[in-house]
Amino acid sequence: MRRFYSLMIEQDLFGTVRLVRNWGRIGTNGQELVEEFSNEIEAGQALEAVAQAKRRRGYRDL
């Protein structure tokens, strides 16, 4: 299957740290899920946990 999964940590205008997950078929906008965290360390740990799970399922880093 031709699909993608992206993870990004960002901070909004109000200072909230967010982990943005975007996935779908290549060539589409896909779907998005946003999780809010109290600090960047927690967001980074969540990002690594999701990334490891996706690598086990066959996704590769670009």
N, C-alpha and C. Protein backbone atom coordinates (compact mmCIF):
# COMPACT_ATOMS: atom_id res chain seq x y z
N MET A 1 0.83 -1.18 0.00
CA MET A 1 0.00 0.00 0.00
C MET A 1 0.88 1.25 0.00
N ARG A 2 0.41 2.27 -0.65
CA ARG A 2 1.13 3.54 -0.70
C ARG A 2 0.48 4.48 0.31
N ARG A 3 1.10 4.57 1.47
CA ARG A 3 0.53 5.38 2.55
C ARG A 3 1.64 6.13 3.28
N PHE A 4 1.23 7.11 4.06
CA PHE A 4 2.20 7.90 4.81
C PHE A 4 1.71 8.10 6.23
N TYR A 5 2.65 8.45 7.10
CA TYR A 5 2.35 8.77 8.49
C TYR A 5 3.39 9.79 8.94
N SER A 6 2.94 10.95 9.37
CA SER A 6 3.90 11.97 9.81
C SER A 6 3.61 12.38 11.25
N LEU A 7 4.67 12.70 11.97
CA LEU A 7 4.58 13.15 13.36
C LEU A 7 5.34 14.46 13.47
N MET A 8 4.75 15.42 14.21
CA MET A 8 5.39 16.72 14.35
C MET A 8 5.02 17.31 15.71
N ILE A 9 6.01 17.86 16.39
CA ILE A 9 5.76 18.58 17.64
C ILE A 9 5.77 20.07 17.30
N GLU A 10 4.74 20.77 17.76
CA GLU A 10 4.66 22.21 17.51
C GLU A 10 4.12 22.92 18.73
N GLN A 11 4.33 24.20 18.78
CA GLN A 11 3.81 25.03 19.86
C GLN A 11 2.89 26.07 19.24
N ASP A 12 1.66 26.17 19.76
CA ASP A 12 0.73 27.14 19.19
C ASP A 12 0.96 28.53 19.76
N LEU A 13 0.16 29.48 19.34
CA LEU A 13 0.33 30.88 19.76
C LEU A 13 0.13 31.09 21.24
N PHE A 14 -0.57 30.18 21.90
CA PHE A 14 -0.84 30.31 23.33
C PHE A 14 0.17 29.56 24.20
N GLY A 15 1.17 28.93 23.57
CA GLY A 15 2.21 28.23 24.29
C GLY A 15 1.94 26.77 24.56
N THR A 16 0.84 26.24 24.04
CA THR A 16 0.51 24.84 24.24
C THR A 16 1.37 23.97 23.33
N VAL A 17 1.97 22.93 23.89
CA VAL A 17 2.79 21.99 23.11
C VAL A 17 1.87 20.91 22.58
N ARG A 18 1.96 20.68 21.26
CA ARG A 18 1.06 19.72 20.61
C ARG A 18 1.84 18.71 19.78
N LEU A 19 1.37 17.48 19.80
CA LEU A 19 1.88 16.44 18.91
C LEU A 19 0.84 16.26 17.82
N VAL A 20 1.24 16.54 16.58
CA VAL A 20 0.33 16.46 15.44
C VAL A 20 0.66 15.19 14.67
N ARG A 21 -0.34 14.34 14.52
CA ARG A 21 -0.19 13.08 13.77
C ARG A 21 -1.04 13.20 12.51
N ASN A 22 -0.43 12.91 11.36
CA ASN A 22 -1.12 13.02 10.08
C ASN A 22 -0.86 11.73 9.30
N TRP A 23 -1.91 11.12 8.74
CA TRP A 23 -1.74 9.87 8.03
C TRP A 23 -2.77 9.75 6.91
N GLY A 24 -2.46 8.88 5.96
CA GLY A 24 -3.39 8.64 4.85
C GLY A 24 -2.68 8.02 3.67
N ARG A 25 -3.37 8.02 2.54
CA ARG A 25 -2.79 7.50 1.31
C ARG A 25 -1.98 8.59 0.63
N ILE A 26 -0.87 8.22 0.03
CA ILE A 26 -0.03 9.18 -0.68
C ILE A 26 -0.85 9.83 -1.79
N GLY A 27 -0.77 11.15 -1.88
CA GLY A 27 -1.52 11.90 -2.88
C GLY A 27 -2.79 12.53 -2.31
N THR A 28 -3.09 12.26 -1.03
CA THR A 28 -4.26 12.86 -0.39
C THR A 28 -3.80 13.70 0.80
N ASN A 29 -4.72 14.48 1.36
CA ASN A 29 -4.40 15.25 2.56
C ASN A 29 -4.39 14.37 3.80
N GLY A 30 -5.12 13.28 3.78
CA GLY A 30 -5.15 12.37 4.91
C GLY A 30 -5.96 12.90 6.06
N GLN A 31 -5.76 12.28 7.21
CA GLN A 31 -6.45 12.66 8.44
C GLN A 31 -5.44 13.20 9.43
N GLU A 32 -5.95 13.92 10.44
CA GLU A 32 -5.06 14.53 11.42
C GLU A 32 -5.62 14.34 12.82
N LEU A 33 -4.72 14.08 13.76
CA LEU A 33 -5.06 13.96 15.17
C LEU A 33 -4.07 14.82 15.95
N VAL A 34 -4.59 15.66 16.86
CA VAL A 34 -3.74 16.56 17.64
C VAL A 34 -3.89 16.21 19.11
N GLU A 35 -2.74 15.99 19.78
CA GLU A 35 -2.72 15.73 21.22
C GLU A 35 -1.96 16.86 21.89
N GLU A 36 -2.48 17.34 23.01
CA GLU A 36 -1.82 18.43 23.74
C GLU A 36 -1.07 17.88 24.94
N PHE A 37 0.11 18.47 25.22
CA PHE A 37 0.96 18.05 26.33
C PHE A 37 1.37 19.27 27.14
N SER A 38 1.78 19.04 28.37
CA SER A 38 2.16 20.15 29.24
C SER A 38 3.56 20.67 28.95
N ASN A 39 4.44 19.81 28.37
CA ASN A 39 5.79 20.27 28.03
C ASN A 39 6.34 19.48 26.85
N GLU A 40 7.47 19.94 26.33
CA GLU A 40 8.06 19.31 25.14
C GLU A 40 8.63 17.93 25.43
N ILE A 41 9.06 17.68 26.63
CA ILE A 41 9.62 16.37 26.99
C ILE A 41 8.56 15.29 26.87
N GLU A 42 7.38 15.54 27.43
CA GLU A 42 6.29 14.57 27.34
C GLU A 42 5.87 14.35 25.89
N ALA A 43 5.81 15.42 25.11
CA ALA A 43 5.45 15.31 23.70
C ALA A 43 6.50 14.49 22.95
N GLY A 44 7.77 14.70 23.26
CA GLY A 44 8.84 13.94 22.61
C GLY A 44 8.78 12.46 22.95
N GLN A 45 8.46 12.15 24.20
CA GLN A 45 8.32 10.74 24.59
C GLN A 45 7.15 10.09 23.87
N ALA A 46 6.04 10.81 23.73
CA ALA A 46 4.88 10.27 23.02
C ALA A 46 5.21 10.09 21.54
N LEU A 47 5.94 11.05 20.96
CA LEU A 47 6.34 10.93 19.56
C LEU A 47 7.20 9.69 19.34
N GLU A 48 8.17 9.46 20.20
CA GLU A 48 9.04 8.28 20.06
C GLU A 48 8.25 6.98 20.21
N ALA A 49 7.30 6.93 21.13
CA ALA A 49 6.49 5.73 21.32
C ALA A 49 5.67 5.43 20.06
N VAL A 50 5.05 6.44 19.48
CA VAL A 50 4.26 6.25 18.26
C VAL A 50 5.18 5.86 17.11
N ALA A 51 6.33 6.53 16.99
CA ALA A 51 7.27 6.24 15.91
C ALA A 51 7.76 4.79 15.97
N GLN A 52 8.07 4.30 17.16
CA GLN A 52 8.52 2.91 17.30
C GLN A 52 7.43 1.93 16.88
N ALA A 53 6.20 2.22 17.27
CA ALA A 53 5.08 1.34 16.88
C ALA A 53 4.90 1.33 15.37
N LYS A 54 5.04 2.48 14.73
CA LYS A 54 4.89 2.55 13.27
C LYS A 54 6.04 1.85 12.56
N ARG A 55 7.25 1.96 13.09
CA ARG A 55 8.40 1.24 12.49
C ARG A 55 8.18 -0.26 12.55
N ARG A 56 7.63 -0.75 13.65
CA ARG A 56 7.35 -2.19 13.77
C ARG A 56 6.32 -2.65 12.73
N ARG A 57 5.45 -1.74 12.31
CA ARG A 57 4.42 -2.06 11.33
C ARG A 57 4.89 -1.88 9.90
N GLY A 58 6.15 -1.47 9.70
CA GLY A 58 6.71 -1.40 8.36
C GLY A 58 6.95 -0.01 7.82
N TYR A 59 6.58 1.03 8.56
CA TYR A 59 6.86 2.39 8.10
C TYR A 59 8.36 2.67 8.24
N ARG A 60 8.89 3.49 7.34
CA ARG A 60 10.30 3.84 7.36
C ARG A 60 10.46 5.33 7.54
N ASP A 61 11.57 5.75 8.17
CA ASP A 61 11.88 7.16 8.35
C ASP A 61 12.37 7.74 7.03
N LEU A 62 12.04 8.98 6.78
CA LEU A 62 12.54 9.67 5.58
C LEU A 62 13.59 10.66 5.96
